[in-house]
Amino acid sequence: MRYWRPVPALVAAGLLIGLGPGTGAIAEPGAGYGIRPAVQENGKSTPDADGTRPANEAERKSAIASIEGQLKAFREDDYEKATKYQCLELRKGFKSSEEFRRAIKVGYPQFANYKTVMFGEAICDEKGERLHIRITLTGQDGVVVRALYLMIKEEGEYRVGGVFGGAKSAPDPRNIT
């Protein structure tokens, strides 16, 4: 299984919060609340050794609804609304919705103007407070990106706690003529 690594530009922009030990969040997928699939016993899903399990249908649908809501707000250029889908820690990382808008438009142009999104496997901790879900997103420009969303349950709803992957790659300066 391939793990997604946080994109340095995303970390620098404050979009991705890698919370430290004891917070229940992770700095990198596979650490802490990992994303390994659950062990199957007698046809039932049981938590893996690190306490993860497949998300149930209600958890998965709730996480997807939040991600789709934020993506739709991006496409409609409503970044005030888009910030409401972020967890509290991410919201604190930006001075304004305009600063958040610039970070998404520059670093995540496919997310800002997506055409389609497909959702993959969803894994969560035993209590369903932290959930990881893989996505494959196609921008209006036809560029396909893959990412792993970390969703955090706040006030009974899943909110975006971080995105691993999916960022626009910086050009290699050696290839610029």
N, C-alpha and C. Protein backbone atom coordinates (compact mmCIF):
# COMPACT_ATOMS: atom_id res chain seq x y z
N MET A 1 0.85 -1.18 0.00
CA MET A 1 0.00 0.00 0.00
C MET A 1 0.88 1.24 0.00
N ARG A 2 0.53 2.22 -0.76
CA ARG A 2 1.31 3.45 -0.86
C ARG A 2 0.70 4.50 0.06
N TYR A 3 1.55 5.11 0.88
CA TYR A 3 1.10 6.17 1.77
C TYR A 3 1.38 7.51 1.13
N TRP A 4 0.52 8.46 1.36
CA TRP A 4 0.67 9.80 0.82
C TRP A 4 1.46 10.63 1.81
N ARG A 5 2.37 11.43 1.33
CA ARG A 5 3.17 12.31 2.18
C ARG A 5 2.62 13.73 2.07
N PRO A 6 2.68 14.49 3.17
CA PRO A 6 2.21 15.88 3.09
C PRO A 6 3.08 16.67 2.13
N VAL A 7 2.48 17.60 1.44
CA VAL A 7 3.18 18.44 0.48
C VAL A 7 3.75 19.64 1.24
N PRO A 8 5.08 19.90 1.16
CA PRO A 8 5.68 20.98 1.93
C PRO A 8 5.00 22.33 1.73
N ALA A 9 4.62 22.67 0.49
CA ALA A 9 3.97 23.96 0.25
C ALA A 9 2.65 24.05 1.00
N LEU A 10 1.97 22.94 1.11
CA LEU A 10 0.70 22.91 1.83
C LEU A 10 0.93 23.14 3.31
N VAL A 11 1.96 22.52 3.84
CA VAL A 11 2.27 22.70 5.25
C VAL A 11 2.64 24.16 5.50
N ALA A 12 3.46 24.72 4.62
CA ALA A 12 3.88 26.10 4.77
C ALA A 12 2.70 27.06 4.68
N ALA A 13 1.74 26.74 3.85
CA ALA A 13 0.57 27.60 3.70
C ALA A 13 -0.37 27.51 4.89
N GLY A 14 -0.16 26.51 5.76
CA GLY A 14 -1.02 26.37 6.92
C GLY A 14 -2.30 25.63 6.62
N LEU A 15 -2.42 25.07 5.43
CA LEU A 15 -3.63 24.34 5.08
C LEU A 15 -3.65 22.98 5.75
N LEU A 16 -2.49 22.38 5.87
CA LEU A 16 -2.41 21.06 6.47
C LEU A 16 -1.87 21.20 7.88
N ILE A 17 -2.60 20.72 8.83
CA ILE A 17 -2.16 20.76 10.21
C ILE A 17 -1.77 19.35 10.60
N GLY A 18 -0.51 19.13 10.87
CA GLY A 18 -0.04 17.85 11.37
C GLY A 18 0.08 17.99 12.87
N LEU A 19 -0.95 17.61 13.57
CA LEU A 19 -0.96 17.78 15.02
C LEU A 19 -0.10 16.71 15.66
N GLY A 20 0.54 17.05 16.71
CA GLY A 20 1.50 16.16 17.35
C GLY A 20 0.88 15.07 18.19
N PRO A 21 1.73 14.27 18.84
CA PRO A 21 1.29 13.16 19.66
C PRO A 21 0.34 13.65 20.76
N GLY A 22 -0.64 12.83 21.04
CA GLY A 22 -1.58 13.14 22.10
C GLY A 22 -2.79 13.92 21.64
N THR A 23 -2.79 14.38 20.40
CA THR A 23 -3.93 15.15 19.91
C THR A 23 -4.95 14.27 19.22
N GLY A 24 -4.55 13.05 18.88
CA GLY A 24 -5.46 12.15 18.18
C GLY A 24 -5.39 12.32 16.68
N ALA A 25 -4.72 13.36 16.19
CA ALA A 25 -4.56 13.53 14.76
C ALA A 25 -3.19 13.03 14.36
N ILE A 26 -2.92 12.99 13.08
CA ILE A 26 -1.64 12.46 12.63
C ILE A 26 -0.88 13.48 11.85
N ALA A 27 0.42 13.33 11.85
CA ALA A 27 1.27 14.21 11.05
C ALA A 27 1.48 13.61 9.67
N GLU A 28 1.35 12.31 9.55
CA GLU A 28 1.57 11.64 8.29
C GLU A 28 0.72 10.38 8.26
N PRO A 29 0.01 10.10 7.14
CA PRO A 29 -0.78 8.89 7.08
C PRO A 29 0.08 7.68 7.36
N GLY A 30 -0.49 6.75 8.10
CA GLY A 30 0.23 5.54 8.45
C GLY A 30 0.81 5.64 9.84
N ALA A 31 0.89 6.85 10.40
CA ALA A 31 1.39 7.03 11.75
C ALA A 31 0.18 7.26 12.65
N GLY A 32 0.27 6.88 13.89
CA GLY A 32 -0.85 7.09 14.81
C GLY A 32 -2.07 6.32 14.36
N TYR A 33 -3.11 7.02 13.95
CA TYR A 33 -4.29 6.38 13.40
C TYR A 33 -4.00 6.07 11.94
N GLY A 34 -3.43 4.92 11.68
CA GLY A 34 -2.99 4.54 10.34
C GLY A 34 -4.13 4.30 9.39
N ILE A 35 -3.79 3.84 8.20
CA ILE A 35 -4.82 3.60 7.21
C ILE A 35 -4.81 2.16 6.72
N ARG A 36 -4.19 1.29 7.48
CA ARG A 36 -4.20 -0.12 7.09
C ARG A 36 -5.61 -0.66 7.21
N PRO A 37 -6.00 -1.58 6.34
CA PRO A 37 -7.35 -2.13 6.41
C PRO A 37 -7.54 -2.98 7.66
N ALA A 38 -8.78 -3.09 8.08
CA ALA A 38 -9.10 -3.87 9.27
C ALA A 38 -8.96 -5.36 9.00
N VAL A 39 -8.78 -6.10 10.06
CA VAL A 39 -8.68 -7.55 10.00
C VAL A 39 -10.09 -8.12 9.90
N GLN A 40 -10.28 -9.12 9.08
CA GLN A 40 -11.58 -9.75 8.94
C GLN A 40 -11.64 -11.03 9.77
N GLU A 41 -12.58 -11.14 10.67
CA GLU A 41 -12.80 -12.35 11.45
C GLU A 41 -14.24 -12.77 11.27
N ASN A 42 -14.44 -13.98 10.78
CA ASN A 42 -15.79 -14.50 10.58
C ASN A 42 -16.67 -13.54 9.78
N GLY A 43 -16.08 -12.86 8.79
CA GLY A 43 -16.86 -11.97 7.94
C GLY A 43 -17.14 -10.62 8.55
N LYS A 44 -16.66 -10.36 9.78
CA LYS A 44 -16.91 -9.08 10.43
C LYS A 44 -15.64 -8.24 10.46
N SER A 45 -15.81 -6.94 10.35
CA SER A 45 -14.67 -6.04 10.46
C SER A 45 -14.34 -5.83 11.92
N THR A 46 -13.08 -5.95 12.23
CA THR A 46 -12.62 -5.70 13.59
C THR A 46 -11.49 -4.69 13.53
N PRO A 47 -11.29 -3.94 14.59
CA PRO A 47 -10.20 -2.97 14.56
C PRO A 47 -8.86 -3.65 14.34
N ASP A 48 -8.00 -3.00 13.57
CA ASP A 48 -6.64 -3.47 13.35
C ASP A 48 -5.87 -3.28 14.65
N ALA A 49 -4.66 -3.76 14.68
CA ALA A 49 -3.83 -3.66 15.87
C ALA A 49 -3.63 -2.20 16.30
N ASP A 50 -3.67 -1.26 15.36
CA ASP A 50 -3.49 0.14 15.71
C ASP A 50 -4.82 0.86 15.96
N GLY A 51 -5.91 0.12 16.01
CA GLY A 51 -7.21 0.71 16.36
C GLY A 51 -7.99 1.27 15.19
N THR A 52 -7.63 0.92 13.96
CA THR A 52 -8.40 1.41 12.82
C THR A 52 -9.37 0.34 12.34
N ARG A 53 -10.39 0.82 11.63
CA ARG A 53 -11.41 -0.08 11.08
C ARG A 53 -12.00 0.59 9.84
N PRO A 54 -12.65 -0.20 8.98
CA PRO A 54 -13.35 0.44 7.86
C PRO A 54 -14.47 1.34 8.40
N ALA A 55 -14.64 2.48 7.80
CA ALA A 55 -15.74 3.37 8.19
C ALA A 55 -17.05 2.70 7.81
N ASN A 56 -18.07 2.90 8.66
CA ASN A 56 -19.39 2.36 8.29
C ASN A 56 -20.02 3.29 7.25
N GLU A 57 -21.12 2.87 6.69
CA GLU A 57 -21.73 3.63 5.58
C GLU A 57 -22.13 5.05 6.00
N ALA A 58 -22.66 5.21 7.21
CA ALA A 58 -23.06 6.54 7.67
C ALA A 58 -21.85 7.46 7.83
N GLU A 59 -20.75 6.93 8.38
CA GLU A 59 -19.53 7.73 8.54
C GLU A 59 -18.97 8.13 7.18
N ARG A 60 -18.93 7.18 6.28
CA ARG A 60 -18.41 7.43 4.93
C ARG A 60 -19.24 8.50 4.22
N LYS A 61 -20.57 8.35 4.25
CA LYS A 61 -21.46 9.32 3.60
C LYS A 61 -21.31 10.72 4.19
N SER A 62 -21.17 10.79 5.50
CA SER A 62 -21.02 12.08 6.16
C SER A 62 -19.71 12.77 5.75
N ALA A 63 -18.62 12.01 5.70
CA ALA A 63 -17.33 12.56 5.28
C ALA A 63 -17.40 13.02 3.83
N ILE A 64 -17.99 12.21 2.97
CA ILE A 64 -18.12 12.56 1.56
C ILE A 64 -18.95 13.82 1.38
N ALA A 65 -20.02 13.94 2.14
CA ALA A 65 -20.87 15.13 2.04
C ALA A 65 -20.09 16.40 2.38
N SER A 66 -19.24 16.33 3.38
CA SER A 66 -18.43 17.50 3.75
C SER A 66 -17.41 17.84 2.67
N ILE A 67 -16.74 16.83 2.14
CA ILE A 67 -15.75 17.07 1.09
C ILE A 67 -16.43 17.65 -0.14
N GLU A 68 -17.54 17.05 -0.55
CA GLU A 68 -18.26 17.56 -1.72
C GLU A 68 -18.77 18.98 -1.49
N GLY A 69 -19.23 19.27 -0.28
CA GLY A 69 -19.69 20.62 0.04
C GLY A 69 -18.58 21.64 -0.10
N GLN A 70 -17.39 21.28 0.39
CA GLN A 70 -16.27 22.21 0.26
C GLN A 70 -15.84 22.36 -1.19
N LEU A 71 -15.77 21.26 -1.93
CA LEU A 71 -15.39 21.35 -3.34
C LEU A 71 -16.38 22.20 -4.13
N LYS A 72 -17.66 22.05 -3.84
CA LYS A 72 -18.68 22.85 -4.53
C LYS A 72 -18.50 24.33 -4.19
N ALA A 73 -18.20 24.62 -2.92
CA ALA A 73 -17.97 26.02 -2.52
C ALA A 73 -16.73 26.58 -3.24
N PHE A 74 -15.68 25.75 -3.40
CA PHE A 74 -14.51 26.19 -4.16
C PHE A 74 -14.90 26.56 -5.58
N ARG A 75 -15.65 25.66 -6.22
CA ARG A 75 -16.02 25.87 -7.63
C ARG A 75 -16.89 27.12 -7.78
N GLU A 76 -17.71 27.41 -6.78
CA GLU A 76 -18.58 28.59 -6.81
C GLU A 76 -17.86 29.85 -6.33
N ASP A 77 -16.55 29.71 -6.02
CA ASP A 77 -15.72 30.81 -5.53
C ASP A 77 -16.28 31.40 -4.23
N ASP A 78 -16.86 30.54 -3.39
CA ASP A 78 -17.41 30.96 -2.10
C ASP A 78 -16.51 30.41 -1.00
N TYR A 79 -15.39 31.08 -0.78
CA TYR A 79 -14.40 30.60 0.18
C TYR A 79 -14.80 30.85 1.62
N GLU A 80 -15.70 31.77 1.83
CA GLU A 80 -16.27 31.96 3.18
C GLU A 80 -17.01 30.68 3.58
N LYS A 81 -17.83 30.17 2.66
CA LYS A 81 -18.55 28.91 2.91
C LYS A 81 -17.58 27.74 2.99
N ALA A 82 -16.57 27.72 2.12
CA ALA A 82 -15.61 26.61 2.10
C ALA A 82 -14.88 26.46 3.42
N THR A 83 -14.61 27.57 4.11
CA THR A 83 -13.91 27.49 5.39
C THR A 83 -14.74 26.77 6.46
N LYS A 84 -16.04 26.79 6.29
CA LYS A 84 -16.92 26.13 7.28
C LYS A 84 -16.78 24.61 7.26
N TYR A 85 -16.18 24.09 6.19
CA TYR A 85 -15.97 22.64 6.10
C TYR A 85 -14.60 22.24 6.67
N GLN A 86 -13.83 23.21 7.14
CA GLN A 86 -12.54 22.94 7.73
C GLN A 86 -12.68 22.76 9.24
N CYS A 87 -11.79 21.97 9.82
CA CYS A 87 -11.78 21.85 11.27
C CYS A 87 -11.28 23.17 11.87
N LEU A 88 -11.52 23.36 13.13
CA LEU A 88 -11.17 24.60 13.81
C LEU A 88 -9.68 24.93 13.67
N GLU A 89 -8.82 23.93 13.81
CA GLU A 89 -7.38 24.18 13.71
C GLU A 89 -6.98 24.71 12.33
N LEU A 90 -7.58 24.20 11.27
CA LEU A 90 -7.27 24.71 9.94
C LEU A 90 -7.77 26.13 9.76
N ARG A 91 -8.95 26.41 10.28
CA ARG A 91 -9.50 27.77 10.15
C ARG A 91 -8.58 28.79 10.83
N LYS A 92 -7.96 28.38 11.94
CA LYS A 92 -7.05 29.29 12.65
C LYS A 92 -5.80 29.60 11.84
N GLY A 93 -5.47 28.75 10.87
CA GLY A 93 -4.26 28.92 10.08
C GLY A 93 -4.32 30.01 9.04
N PHE A 94 -5.50 30.58 8.82
CA PHE A 94 -5.65 31.63 7.80
C PHE A 94 -6.23 32.89 8.43
N LYS A 95 -5.70 34.03 8.01
CA LYS A 95 -6.18 35.30 8.53
C LYS A 95 -7.54 35.65 7.96
N SER A 96 -7.81 35.17 6.72
CA SER A 96 -9.07 35.52 6.07
C SER A 96 -9.44 34.45 5.05
N SER A 97 -10.68 34.49 4.59
CA SER A 97 -11.10 33.56 3.55
C SER A 97 -10.39 33.90 2.23
N GLU A 98 -9.98 35.15 2.05
CA GLU A 98 -9.24 35.53 0.84
C GLU A 98 -7.85 34.90 0.84
N GLU A 99 -7.21 34.85 1.98
CA GLU A 99 -5.90 34.19 2.08
C GLU A 99 -6.05 32.69 1.78
N PHE A 100 -7.11 32.08 2.29
CA PHE A 100 -7.41 30.67 2.02
C PHE A 100 -7.68 30.48 0.53
N ARG A 101 -8.44 31.38 -0.07
CA ARG A 101 -8.75 31.33 -1.50
C ARG A 101 -7.46 31.32 -2.33
N ARG A 102 -6.54 32.24 -2.03
CA ARG A 102 -5.28 32.30 -2.77
C ARG A 102 -4.49 31.00 -2.63
N ALA A 103 -4.45 30.45 -1.42
CA ALA A 103 -3.71 29.21 -1.19
C ALA A 103 -4.28 28.06 -2.03
N ILE A 104 -5.59 27.96 -2.12
CA ILE A 104 -6.22 26.89 -2.90
C ILE A 104 -6.04 27.14 -4.39
N LYS A 105 -6.30 28.35 -4.85
CA LYS A 105 -6.19 28.66 -6.28
C LYS A 105 -4.78 28.42 -6.81
N VAL A 106 -3.77 28.76 -6.02
CA VAL A 106 -2.39 28.61 -6.46
C VAL A 106 -1.89 27.18 -6.27
N GLY A 107 -2.11 26.61 -5.09
CA GLY A 107 -1.56 25.29 -4.79
C GLY A 107 -2.41 24.12 -5.21
N TYR A 108 -3.72 24.35 -5.35
CA TYR A 108 -4.66 23.27 -5.64
C TYR A 108 -5.66 23.67 -6.72
N PRO A 109 -5.17 24.03 -7.91
CA PRO A 109 -6.08 24.52 -8.94
C PRO A 109 -7.13 23.49 -9.35
N GLN A 110 -6.81 22.21 -9.32
CA GLN A 110 -7.80 21.19 -9.69
C GLN A 110 -8.92 21.14 -8.66
N PHE A 111 -8.61 21.34 -7.39
CA PHE A 111 -9.63 21.34 -6.34
C PHE A 111 -10.51 22.58 -6.48
N ALA A 112 -9.87 23.71 -6.79
CA ALA A 112 -10.60 24.97 -6.91
C ALA A 112 -11.61 24.94 -8.05
N ASN A 113 -11.34 24.14 -9.05
CA ASN A 113 -12.23 24.08 -10.20
C ASN A 113 -12.30 22.64 -10.71
N TYR A 114 -12.90 21.79 -9.89
CA TYR A 114 -12.91 20.37 -10.23
C TYR A 114 -14.05 20.03 -11.19
N LYS A 115 -13.83 18.95 -11.91
CA LYS A 115 -14.85 18.44 -12.83
C LYS A 115 -15.54 17.23 -12.22
N THR A 116 -14.73 16.26 -11.77
CA THR A 116 -15.29 15.06 -11.14
C THR A 116 -14.45 14.66 -9.94
N VAL A 117 -15.06 13.94 -9.03
CA VAL A 117 -14.35 13.38 -7.88
C VAL A 117 -14.90 11.99 -7.62
N MET A 118 -13.99 11.06 -7.35
CA MET A 118 -14.38 9.70 -6.98
C MET A 118 -13.79 9.41 -5.60
N PHE A 119 -14.57 8.73 -4.81
CA PHE A 119 -14.16 8.43 -3.44
C PHE A 119 -13.80 6.96 -3.31
N GLY A 120 -12.72 6.70 -2.59
CA GLY A 120 -12.25 5.34 -2.38
C GLY A 120 -12.50 4.88 -0.96
N GLU A 121 -11.61 4.05 -0.51
CA GLU A 121 -11.68 3.43 0.80
C GLU A 121 -11.68 4.48 1.92
N ALA A 122 -12.48 4.24 2.94
CA ALA A 122 -12.53 5.10 4.11
C ALA A 122 -12.20 4.26 5.34
N ILE A 123 -11.23 4.72 6.11
CA ILE A 123 -10.77 4.05 7.31
C ILE A 123 -10.89 5.04 8.46
N CYS A 124 -11.29 4.55 9.64
CA CYS A 124 -11.39 5.47 10.77
C CYS A 124 -10.88 4.82 12.05
N ASP A 125 -10.77 5.65 13.09
CA ASP A 125 -10.39 5.11 14.39
C ASP A 125 -11.60 4.40 14.98
N GLU A 126 -11.40 3.72 16.10
CA GLU A 126 -12.48 2.91 16.68
C GLU A 126 -13.75 3.71 16.97
N LYS A 127 -13.60 4.95 17.42
CA LYS A 127 -14.76 5.78 17.78
C LYS A 127 -15.33 6.57 16.61
N GLY A 128 -14.66 6.53 15.46
CA GLY A 128 -15.13 7.28 14.30
C GLY A 128 -14.87 8.77 14.39
N GLU A 129 -13.92 9.19 15.25
CA GLU A 129 -13.62 10.61 15.41
C GLU A 129 -12.64 11.13 14.36
N ARG A 130 -11.81 10.24 13.84
CA ARG A 130 -10.84 10.57 12.79
C ARG A 130 -11.07 9.60 11.65
N LEU A 131 -11.15 10.10 10.43
CA LEU A 131 -11.44 9.27 9.28
C LEU A 131 -10.53 9.68 8.13
N HIS A 132 -10.00 8.68 7.42
CA HIS A 132 -9.19 8.92 6.21
C HIS A 132 -10.00 8.42 5.03
N ILE A 133 -10.03 9.19 3.96
CA ILE A 133 -10.71 8.74 2.75
C ILE A 133 -9.90 9.17 1.54
N ARG A 134 -9.69 8.22 0.64
CA ARG A 134 -8.93 8.48 -0.58
C ARG A 134 -9.87 9.06 -1.64
N ILE A 135 -9.32 10.00 -2.42
CA ILE A 135 -10.09 10.55 -3.53
C ILE A 135 -9.24 10.57 -4.79
N THR A 136 -9.92 10.53 -5.91
CA THR A 136 -9.31 10.79 -7.21
C THR A 136 -10.14 11.90 -7.81
N LEU A 137 -9.49 13.01 -8.12
CA LEU A 137 -10.19 14.21 -8.57
C LEU A 137 -9.65 14.63 -9.93
N THR A 138 -10.55 15.02 -10.81
CA THR A 138 -10.17 15.52 -12.13
C THR A 138 -10.58 16.99 -12.20
N GLY A 139 -9.61 17.84 -12.54
CA GLY A 139 -9.88 19.26 -12.68
C GLY A 139 -10.50 19.56 -14.03
N GLN A 140 -11.04 20.76 -14.18
CA GLN A 140 -11.59 21.19 -15.47
C GLN A 140 -10.52 21.17 -16.55
N ASP A 141 -9.25 21.25 -16.13
CA ASP A 141 -8.14 21.23 -17.08
C ASP A 141 -7.76 19.81 -17.50
N GLY A 142 -8.48 18.81 -16.98
CA GLY A 142 -8.22 17.42 -17.33
C GLY A 142 -7.14 16.74 -16.50
N VAL A 143 -6.48 17.48 -15.63
CA VAL A 143 -5.43 16.92 -14.78
C VAL A 143 -6.08 16.11 -13.66
N VAL A 144 -5.60 14.88 -13.50
CA VAL A 144 -6.10 13.98 -12.46
C VAL A 144 -5.14 14.00 -11.29
N VAL A 145 -5.67 14.18 -10.09
CA VAL A 145 -4.85 14.15 -8.87
C VAL A 145 -5.46 13.17 -7.88
N ARG A 146 -4.60 12.61 -7.07
CA ARG A 146 -5.05 11.71 -6.01
C ARG A 146 -4.67 12.33 -4.68
N ALA A 147 -5.52 12.14 -3.70
CA ALA A 147 -5.25 12.71 -2.39
C ALA A 147 -5.89 11.83 -1.31
N LEU A 148 -5.44 12.06 -0.11
CA LEU A 148 -6.00 11.40 1.06
C LEU A 148 -6.47 12.50 2.00
N TYR A 149 -7.75 12.51 2.30
CA TYR A 149 -8.31 13.50 3.22
C TYR A 149 -8.29 12.93 4.63
N LEU A 150 -7.91 13.76 5.59
CA LEU A 150 -8.08 13.46 7.00
C LEU A 150 -9.30 14.25 7.44
N MET A 151 -10.32 13.55 7.91
CA MET A 151 -11.54 14.20 8.37
C MET A 151 -11.61 14.06 9.89
N ILE A 152 -11.99 15.13 10.56
CA ILE A 152 -12.08 15.16 12.01
C ILE A 152 -13.52 15.49 12.39
N LYS A 153 -14.07 14.71 13.32
CA LYS A 153 -15.44 14.95 13.75
C LYS A 153 -15.47 16.06 14.79
N GLU A 154 -16.18 17.14 14.45
CA GLU A 154 -16.38 18.27 15.36
C GLU A 154 -17.85 18.62 15.36
N GLU A 155 -18.41 18.80 16.54
CA GLU A 155 -19.82 19.17 16.67
C GLU A 155 -20.71 18.22 15.88
N GLY A 156 -20.35 16.93 15.87
CA GLY A 156 -21.17 15.91 15.23
C GLY A 156 -21.03 15.81 13.72
N GLU A 157 -20.12 16.60 13.10
CA GLU A 157 -19.94 16.57 11.65
C GLU A 157 -18.47 16.37 11.31
N TYR A 158 -18.22 15.72 10.18
CA TYR A 158 -16.84 15.59 9.73
C TYR A 158 -16.41 16.88 9.05
N ARG A 159 -15.21 17.33 9.41
CA ARG A 159 -14.62 18.52 8.81
C ARG A 159 -13.20 18.18 8.33
N VAL A 160 -12.76 18.88 7.33
CA VAL A 160 -11.44 18.63 6.76
C VAL A 160 -10.36 19.00 7.78
N GLY A 161 -9.52 18.02 8.08
CA GLY A 161 -8.42 18.23 9.01
C GLY A 161 -7.08 18.28 8.31
N GLY A 162 -7.04 17.89 7.03
CA GLY A 162 -5.81 17.92 6.26
C GLY A 162 -5.99 17.18 4.96
N VAL A 163 -5.14 17.50 4.01
CA VAL A 163 -5.16 16.84 2.71
C VAL A 163 -3.72 16.46 2.39
N PHE A 164 -3.50 15.20 2.10
CA PHE A 164 -2.19 14.69 1.76
C PHE A 164 -2.18 14.40 0.27
N GLY A 165 -1.27 15.02 -0.47
CA GLY A 165 -1.22 14.84 -1.92
C GLY A 165 -2.14 15.84 -2.60
N GLY A 166 -2.23 15.72 -3.93
CA GLY A 166 -3.15 16.54 -4.70
C GLY A 166 -2.68 17.93 -5.02
N ALA A 167 -1.53 18.35 -4.47
CA ALA A 167 -1.07 19.72 -4.72
C ALA A 167 -0.36 19.82 -6.06
N LYS A 168 -0.40 21.00 -6.60
CA LYS A 168 0.28 21.30 -7.85
C LYS A 168 1.78 21.20 -7.60
N SER A 169 2.47 20.49 -8.48
CA SER A 169 3.91 20.34 -8.35
C SER A 169 4.61 21.60 -8.83
N ALA A 170 5.62 21.99 -8.09
CA ALA A 170 6.42 23.14 -8.52
C ALA A 170 7.31 22.70 -9.67
N PRO A 171 7.51 23.56 -10.68
CA PRO A 171 8.39 23.18 -11.79
C PRO A 171 9.82 23.01 -11.30
N ASP A 172 10.53 22.11 -11.92
CA ASP A 172 11.93 21.89 -11.61
C ASP A 172 12.72 23.02 -12.27
N PRO A 173 13.41 23.86 -11.49
CA PRO A 173 14.12 25.00 -12.06
C PRO A 173 15.17 24.61 -13.09
N ARG A 174 15.66 23.37 -13.03
CA ARG A 174 16.66 22.92 -14.00
C ARG A 174 16.06 22.75 -15.39
N ASN A 175 14.72 22.62 -15.47
CA ASN A 175 14.06 22.42 -16.76
C ASN A 175 13.49 23.71 -17.35
N ILE A 176 13.67 24.81 -16.68
CA ILE A 176 13.15 26.09 -17.17
C ILE A 176 14.21 26.74 -18.05
N THR A 177 13.82 27.10 -19.26
CA THR A 177 14.78 27.72 -20.18
C THR A 177 14.47 29.18 -20.39
